[in-house]
Amino acid sequence: MHTGSPRQTLILSSAAFFISGFAALTYQIVWQRLLVLPIGADVYSTTIIVAAFMAGLGVGSLVGGQVADRLSTLQCVLLFIVAELAVCVFGFASRWIFYDWMYLRLGPASMQPVTTAAILFASLLWPTFWMGISLPVLSRAVNSRLYGAARRVGLLYGCNTLGAAAGAFVTTWVLFSRLGLEGSLYLAAGLNAAAAIV
C-alpha cells in the first residue's frame, strides 16, 4: 500500500479510478458489438446489456458500501485490487464466453430468446458487480477522516466518469480501427491490472 502523503494517495487513487472507468466503457462497447451475434442488434438486446450493467453496478456499489464500513484502510485497498483483478480476468475470458460459447456453442441450440437474455444478463453481473464495488471501497480507503470526505469522493467519482467518457470516445474512434474487438478487450483487461497495480 502506498504510504505517501494524503495528497499523493488521492492522486494515485484518482488515476486508478480514471483507468478503471476507461476500461469499463471499453468493455461495454466491445461487449455490445460481440453480443450482436448471439442476441441481435435491436433495442431489446441493448436494453438487456445496459440493464445488466446498471444492476451489477448498483448491487456491487451497495455491497461495497456495506462492506467498506467494516474494513480497515488496507483491507479496502486490497478489496479494490481484488475487484479490479476480477474484472481483468473476466475481460480476458469474455471473448471466449460471448463468442465461442454463447454464439458458436449455444447459438445452434436455438434457445428461446428469454433463455438467451437470462444467460447474458447473468454473465454480465459478475464483472459489473466488481466494477460497482470499486468506488465505495476506494472512497473509504482515502477517507480516514470525515473532514473533506465529500470533496475526495466527488473527485474519485469525477475521475471515473471522465475515464468512462474517454474510454467511450477512444474505443469507438481509435481502438476499434487499430486493435479490433479482441485487442480492445485485452487492452481493457490490461488497464484493470494497471489500476490494481496503481
C-alpha atoms as a PDB file:
ATOM      1  CA  MET A   1       0.000   0.000   0.000  1.00  0.00           C
ATOM      2  CA  HIS A   2       1.211   3.488  -0.834  1.00  0.00           C
ATOM      3  CA  THR A   3       2.421   5.274   2.306  1.00  0.00           C
ATOM      4  CA  GLY A   4       2.930   8.779   0.932  1.00  0.00           C
ATOM      5  CA  SER A   5       1.049  11.928   1.850  1.00  0.00           C
ATOM      6  CA  PRO A   6      -2.768  12.052   1.718  1.00  0.00           C
ATOM      7  CA  ARG A   7      -2.444  14.230  -1.397  1.00  0.00           C
ATOM      8  CA  GLN A   8      -0.256  11.651  -3.163  1.00  0.00           C
ATOM      9  CA  THR A   9      -2.649   8.885  -2.135  1.00  0.00           C
ATOM     10  CA  LEU A  10      -5.604  10.832  -3.549  1.00  0.00           C
ATOM     11  CA  ILE A  11      -3.747  11.474  -6.823  1.00  0.00           C
ATOM     12  CA  LEU A  12      -2.880   7.780  -7.229  1.00  0.00           C
ATOM     13  CA  SER A  13      -6.418   6.736  -6.317  1.00  0.00           C
ATOM     14  CA  SER A  14      -7.851   9.217  -8.834  1.00  0.00           C
ATOM     15  CA  ALA A  15      -5.531   7.870 -11.532  1.00  0.00           C
ATOM     16  CA  ALA A  16      -6.554   4.283 -10.719  1.00  0.00           C
ATOM     17  CA  PHE A  17     -10.211   5.212 -10.901  1.00  0.00           C
ATOM     18  CA  PHE A  18      -9.794   7.098 -14.191  1.00  0.00           C
ATOM     19  CA  ILE A  19      -8.154   3.988 -15.669  1.00  0.00           C
ATOM     20  CA  SER A  20     -10.900   1.772 -14.246  1.00  0.00           C
ATOM     21  CA  GLY A  21     -13.618   3.962 -15.775  1.00  0.00           C
ATOM     22  CA  PHE A  22     -11.873   3.926 -19.156  1.00  0.00           C
ATOM     23  CA  ALA A  23     -11.739   0.119 -19.088  1.00  0.00           C
ATOM     24  CA  ALA A  24     -15.392  -0.202 -18.026  1.00  0.00           C
ATOM     25  CA  LEU A  25     -16.728   1.732 -21.008  1.00  0.00           C
ATOM     26  CA  THR A  26     -14.362  -0.051 -23.361  1.00  0.00           C
ATOM     27  CA  TYR A  27     -15.854  -3.326 -22.147  1.00  0.00           C
ATOM     28  CA  GLN A  28     -19.417  -2.123 -22.545  1.00  0.00           C
ATOM     29  CA  ILE A  29     -18.854  -1.007 -26.133  1.00  0.00           C
ATOM     30  CA  VAL A  30     -16.896  -4.120 -27.142  1.00  0.00           C
ATOM     31  CA  TRP A  31     -19.360  -6.472 -25.444  1.00  0.00           C
ATOM     32  CA  GLN A  32     -22.276  -4.815 -27.215  1.00  0.00           C
ATOM     33  CA  ARG A  33     -20.522  -5.497 -30.543  1.00  0.00           C
ATOM     34  CA  LEU A  34     -19.684  -9.100 -29.608  1.00  0.00           C
ATOM     35  CA  LEU A  35     -23.198  -9.818 -28.407  1.00  0.00           C
ATOM     36  CA  VAL A  36     -24.767  -8.728 -31.689  1.00  0.00           C
ATOM     37  CA  LEU A  37     -24.102 -12.258 -32.957  1.00  0.00           C
ATOM     38  CA  PRO A  38     -25.885 -14.318 -30.283  1.00  0.00           C
ATOM     39  CA  ILE A  39     -28.699 -11.891 -29.425  1.00  0.00           C
ATOM     40  CA  GLY A  40     -29.024  -9.429 -32.301  1.00  0.00           C
ATOM     41  CA  ALA A  41     -28.652  -5.678 -32.644  1.00  0.00           C
ATOM     42  CA  ASP A  42     -32.045  -4.344 -31.709  1.00  0.00           C
ATOM     43  CA  VAL A  43     -33.333  -2.190 -28.880  1.00  0.00           C
ATOM     44  CA  TYR A  44     -34.080  -5.262 -26.760  1.00  0.00           C
ATOM     45  CA  SER A  45     -30.511  -6.565 -26.796  1.00  0.00           C
ATOM     46  CA  THR A  46     -29.119  -3.120 -25.979  1.00  0.00           C
ATOM     47  CA  THR A  47     -31.616  -2.801 -23.136  1.00  0.00           C
ATOM     48  CA  ILE A  48     -30.534  -6.160 -21.684  1.00  0.00           C
ATOM     49  CA  ILE A  49     -26.867  -5.156 -21.749  1.00  0.00           C
ATOM     50  CA  VAL A  50     -27.459  -1.733 -20.208  1.00  0.00           C
ATOM     51  CA  ALA A  51     -29.825  -3.207 -17.587  1.00  0.00           C
ATOM     52  CA  ALA A  52     -27.237  -5.844 -16.641  1.00  0.00           C
ATOM     53  CA  PHE A  53     -24.570  -3.139 -16.329  1.00  0.00           C
ATOM     54  CA  MET A  54     -26.775  -0.957 -14.141  1.00  0.00           C
ATOM     55  CA  ALA A  55     -27.931  -3.888 -11.983  1.00  0.00           C
ATOM     56  CA  GLY A  56     -24.401  -5.168 -11.424  1.00  0.00           C
ATOM     57  CA  LEU A  57     -23.009  -1.707 -10.713  1.00  0.00           C
ATOM     58  CA  GLY A  58     -25.856  -0.921  -8.331  1.00  0.00           C
ATOM     59  CA  VAL A  59     -25.676  -4.165  -6.371  1.00  0.00           C
ATOM     60  CA  GLY A  60     -21.872  -4.011  -6.274  1.00  0.00           C
ATOM     61  CA  SER A  61     -21.947  -0.442  -5.013  1.00  0.00           C
ATOM     62  CA  LEU A  62     -24.491  -1.334  -2.343  1.00  0.00           C
ATOM     63  CA  VAL A  63     -22.482  -4.329  -1.151  1.00  0.00           C
ATOM     64  CA  GLY A  64     -19.225  -2.376  -1.386  1.00  0.00           C
ATOM     65  CA  GLY A  65     -20.632   0.423   0.750  1.00  0.00           C
ATOM     66  CA  GLN A  66     -21.809  -2.027   3.416  1.00  0.00           C
ATOM     67  CA  VAL A  67     -18.537  -3.952   3.456  1.00  0.00           C
ATOM     68  CA  ALA A  68     -16.222  -0.921   3.299  1.00  0.00           C
ATOM     69  CA  ASP A  69     -17.501   0.444   6.607  1.00  0.00           C
ATOM     70  CA  ARG A  70     -16.342  -2.736   8.342  1.00  0.00           C
ATOM     71  CA  LEU A  71     -12.846  -2.842   6.810  1.00  0.00           C
ATOM     72  CA  SER A  72      -9.573  -1.139   7.600  1.00  0.00           C
ATOM     73  CA  THR A  73      -7.912   1.161   5.076  1.00  0.00           C
ATOM     74  CA  LEU A  74      -5.534  -1.609   3.994  1.00  0.00           C
ATOM     75  CA  GLN A  75      -8.386  -4.094   3.604  1.00  0.00           C
ATOM     76  CA  CYS A  76     -10.313  -1.594   1.462  1.00  0.00           C
ATOM     77  CA  VAL A  77      -7.289  -1.159  -0.801  1.00  0.00           C
ATOM     78  CA  LEU A  78      -6.888  -4.932  -1.065  1.00  0.00           C
ATOM     79  CA  LEU A  79     -10.579  -5.345  -1.914  1.00  0.00           C
ATOM     80  CA  PHE A  80     -10.228  -2.697  -4.630  1.00  0.00           C
ATOM     81  CA  ILE A  81      -7.292  -4.671  -6.053  1.00  0.00           C
ATOM     82  CA  VAL A  82      -9.334  -7.895  -5.938  1.00  0.00           C
ATOM     83  CA  ALA A  83     -12.231  -6.136  -7.707  1.00  0.00           C
ATOM     84  CA  GLU A  84     -10.006  -4.817 -10.497  1.00  0.00           C
ATOM     85  CA  LEU A  85      -8.362  -8.207 -10.972  1.00  0.00           C
ATOM     86  CA  ALA A  86     -11.758  -9.969 -11.028  1.00  0.00           C
ATOM     87  CA  VAL A  87     -12.862  -7.664 -13.859  1.00  0.00           C
ATOM     88  CA  CYS A  88      -9.485  -8.162 -15.572  1.00  0.00           C
ATOM     89  CA  VAL A  89      -9.867 -11.955 -15.573  1.00  0.00           C
ATOM     90  CA  PHE A  90     -13.407 -11.733 -16.946  1.00  0.00           C
ATOM     91  CA  GLY A  91     -12.221  -9.253 -19.582  1.00  0.00           C
ATOM     92  CA  PHE A  92      -9.603 -11.689 -20.849  1.00  0.00           C
ATOM     93  CA  ALA A  93     -12.156 -14.530 -20.889  1.00  0.00           C
ATOM     94  CA  SER A  94     -15.079 -12.536 -22.303  1.00  0.00           C
ATOM     95  CA  ARG A  95     -14.355 -13.145 -25.981  1.00  0.00           C
ATOM     96  CA  TRP A  96     -14.482 -16.875 -25.320  1.00  0.00           C
ATOM     97  CA  ILE A  97     -17.648 -16.517 -23.193  1.00  0.00           C
ATOM     98  CA  PHE A  98     -19.590 -14.283 -25.559  1.00  0.00           C
ATOM     99  CA  TYR A  99     -18.354 -15.519 -28.934  1.00  0.00           C
ATOM    100  CA  ASP A 100     -17.036 -19.079 -28.617  1.00  0.00           C
ATOM    101  CA  TRP A 101     -19.542 -20.239 -26.016  1.00  0.00           C
ATOM    102  CA  MET A 102     -22.698 -18.118 -26.412  1.00  0.00           C
ATOM    103  CA  TYR A 103     -22.568 -17.747 -30.186  1.00  0.00           C
ATOM    104  CA  LEU A 104     -20.779 -20.817 -31.531  1.00  0.00           C
ATOM    105  CA  ARG A 105     -21.883 -23.352 -28.894  1.00  0.00           C
ATOM    106  CA  LEU A 106     -25.257 -22.137 -27.650  1.00  0.00           C
ATOM    107  CA  GLY A 107     -26.335 -20.361 -30.833  1.00  0.00           C
ATOM    108  CA  PRO A 108     -27.009 -23.534 -32.835  1.00  0.00           C
ATOM    109  CA  ALA A 109     -29.081 -24.893 -29.914  1.00  0.00           C
ATOM    110  CA  SER A 110     -31.900 -22.487 -30.895  1.00  0.00           C
ATOM    111  CA  MET A 111     -32.769 -21.464 -27.357  1.00  0.00           C
ATOM    112  CA  GLN A 112     -35.731 -19.281 -26.560  1.00  0.00           C
ATOM    113  CA  PRO A 113     -34.904 -15.541 -26.583  1.00  0.00           C
ATOM    114  CA  VAL A 114     -35.841 -15.283 -22.901  1.00  0.00           C
ATOM    115  CA  THR A 115     -33.326 -18.017 -22.015  1.00  0.00           C
ATOM    116  CA  THR A 116     -30.584 -16.351 -24.060  1.00  0.00           C
ATOM    117  CA  ALA A 117     -31.354 -12.997 -22.412  1.00  0.00           C
ATOM    118  CA  ALA A 118     -31.220 -14.556 -18.935  1.00  0.00           C
ATOM    119  CA  ILE A 119     -27.838 -16.205 -19.644  1.00  0.00           C
ATOM    120  CA  LEU A 120     -26.463 -12.938 -20.991  1.00  0.00           C
ATOM    121  CA  PHE A 121     -27.806 -10.927 -18.063  1.00  0.00           C
ATOM    122  CA  ALA A 122     -26.331 -13.363 -15.525  1.00  0.00           C
ATOM    123  CA  SER A 123     -22.943 -13.454 -17.267  1.00  0.00           C
ATOM    124  CA  LEU A 124     -22.633  -9.647 -17.171  1.00  0.00           C
ATOM    125  CA  LEU A 125     -23.441  -9.479 -13.455  1.00  0.00           C
ATOM    126  CA  TRP A 126     -20.034 -10.871 -12.457  1.00  0.00           C
ATOM    127  CA  PRO A 127     -17.817  -8.124 -13.916  1.00  0.00           C
ATOM    128  CA  THR A 128     -20.283  -5.299 -13.298  1.00  0.00           C
ATOM    129  CA  PHE A 129     -20.724  -6.345  -9.656  1.00  0.00           C
ATOM    130  CA  TRP A 130     -16.964  -5.974  -9.126  1.00  0.00           C
ATOM    131  CA  MET A 131     -16.958  -2.674 -11.003  1.00  0.00           C
ATOM    132  CA  GLY A 132     -19.635  -1.445  -8.602  1.00  0.00           C
ATOM    133  CA  ILE A 133     -17.672  -2.487  -5.511  1.00  0.00           C
ATOM    134  CA  SER A 134     -14.610  -0.499  -6.502  1.00  0.00           C
ATOM    135  CA  LEU A 135     -15.847   3.068  -5.808  1.00  0.00           C
ATOM    136  CA  PRO A 136     -17.116   2.527  -2.241  1.00  0.00           C
ATOM    137  CA  VAL A 137     -14.033   0.641  -1.107  1.00  0.00           C
ATOM    138  CA  LEU A 138     -11.579   3.033  -2.731  1.00  0.00           C
ATOM    139  CA  SER A 139     -13.526   6.008  -1.344  1.00  0.00           C
ATOM    140  CA  ARG A 140     -13.349   4.517   2.123  1.00  0.00           C
ATOM    141  CA  ALA A 141      -9.627   3.864   1.743  1.00  0.00           C
ATOM    142  CA  VAL A 142      -8.824   7.530   1.018  1.00  0.00           C
ATOM    143  CA  ASN A 143     -11.201   8.902   3.657  1.00  0.00           C
ATOM    144  CA  SER A 144      -9.750   8.147   7.050  1.00  0.00           C
ATOM    145  CA  ARG A 145     -11.421  11.286   8.425  1.00  0.00           C
ATOM    146  CA  LEU A 146     -14.773  12.917   7.765  1.00  0.00           C
ATOM    147  CA  TYR A 147     -13.415  16.394   7.025  1.00  0.00           C
ATOM    148  CA  GLY A 148     -13.133  16.854   3.257  1.00  0.00           C
ATOM    149  CA  ALA A 149     -14.629  13.428   2.504  1.00  0.00           C
ATOM    150  CA  ALA A 150     -17.262  14.812   0.127  1.00  0.00           C
ATOM    151  CA  ARG A 151     -14.613  16.556  -1.956  1.00  0.00           C
ATOM    152  CA  ARG A 152     -12.416  13.451  -2.141  1.00  0.00           C
ATOM    153  CA  VAL A 153     -15.296  11.132  -3.058  1.00  0.00           C
ATOM    154  CA  GLY A 154     -16.504  13.655  -5.643  1.00  0.00           C
ATOM    155  CA  LEU A 155     -13.016  13.796  -7.135  1.00  0.00           C
ATOM    156  CA  LEU A 156     -12.843  10.000  -7.400  1.00  0.00           C
ATOM    157  CA  TYR A 157     -16.303   9.780  -8.952  1.00  0.00           C
ATOM    158  CA  GLY A 158     -15.462  12.618 -11.359  1.00  0.00           C
ATOM    159  CA  CYS A 159     -12.218  10.933 -12.429  1.00  0.00           C
ATOM    160  CA  ASN A 160     -14.087   7.683 -13.001  1.00  0.00           C
ATOM    161  CA  THR A 161     -16.702   9.473 -15.102  1.00  0.00           C
ATOM    162  CA  LEU A 162     -14.033  11.281 -17.141  1.00  0.00           C
ATOM    163  CA  GLY A 163     -12.254   7.961 -17.663  1.00  0.00           C
ATOM    164  CA  ALA A 164     -15.506   6.394 -18.833  1.00  0.00           C
ATOM    165  CA  ALA A 165     -16.144   9.241 -21.293  1.00  0.00           C
ATOM    166  CA  ALA A 166     -12.582   8.979 -22.604  1.00  0.00           C
ATOM    167  CA  GLY A 167     -12.961   5.206 -22.896  1.00  0.00           C
ATOM    168  CA  ALA A 168     -16.164   5.526 -24.920  1.00  0.00           C
ATOM    169  CA  PHE A 169     -14.602   8.042 -27.293  1.00  0.00           C
ATOM    170  CA  VAL A 170     -11.201   6.381 -27.724  1.00  0.00           C
ATOM    171  CA  THR A 171     -12.639   2.874 -28.073  1.00  0.00           C
ATOM    172  CA  THR A 172     -15.058   3.898 -30.794  1.00  0.00           C
ATOM    173  CA  TRP A 173     -12.767   6.166 -32.790  1.00  0.00           C
ATOM    174  CA  VAL A 174      -9.279   4.755 -32.182  1.00  0.00           C
ATOM    175  CA  LEU A 175      -9.124   1.290 -30.621  1.00  0.00           C
ATOM    176  CA  PHE A 176     -11.545  -0.485 -32.939  1.00  0.00           C
ATOM    177  CA  SER A 177      -9.675   0.617 -36.049  1.00  0.00           C
ATOM    178  CA  ARG A 178      -6.230  -0.143 -34.616  1.00  0.00           C
ATOM    179  CA  LEU A 179      -6.772  -3.143 -32.331  1.00  0.00           C
ATOM    180  CA  GLY A 180     -10.117  -4.633 -33.328  1.00  0.00           C
ATOM    181  CA  LEU A 181     -12.582  -6.093 -30.821  1.00  0.00           C
ATOM    182  CA  GLU A 182     -10.262  -8.678 -29.308  1.00  0.00           C
ATOM    183  CA  GLY A 183      -7.321  -6.292 -28.994  1.00  0.00           C
ATOM    184  CA  SER A 184      -9.577  -3.694 -27.365  1.00  0.00           C
ATOM    185  CA  LEU A 185     -10.733  -6.288 -24.832  1.00  0.00           C
ATOM    186  CA  TYR A 186      -7.187  -7.227 -23.951  1.00  0.00           C
ATOM    187  CA  LEU A 187      -6.229  -3.578 -23.585  1.00  0.00           C
ATOM    188  CA  ALA A 188      -9.169  -3.005 -21.208  1.00  0.00           C
ATOM    189  CA  ALA A 189      -8.166  -6.052 -19.157  1.00  0.00           C
ATOM    190  CA  GLY A 190      -4.617  -4.729 -19.021  1.00  0.00           C
ATOM    191  CA  LEU A 191      -5.961  -1.398 -17.781  1.00  0.00           C
ATOM    192  CA  ASN A 192      -7.776  -3.157 -14.931  1.00  0.00           C
ATOM    193  CA  ALA A 193      -4.489  -4.811 -13.981  1.00  0.00           C
ATOM    194  CA  ALA A 194      -2.794  -1.387 -14.157  1.00  0.00           C
ATOM    195  CA  ALA A 195      -5.464   0.119 -11.891  1.00  0.00           C
ATOM    196  CA  ALA A 196      -4.845  -2.671  -9.387  1.00  0.00           C
ATOM    197  CA  ILE A 197      -1.105  -2.003  -9.507  1.00  0.00           C
ATOM    198  CA  VAL A 198      -1.571   1.753  -9.049  1.00  0.00           C
END
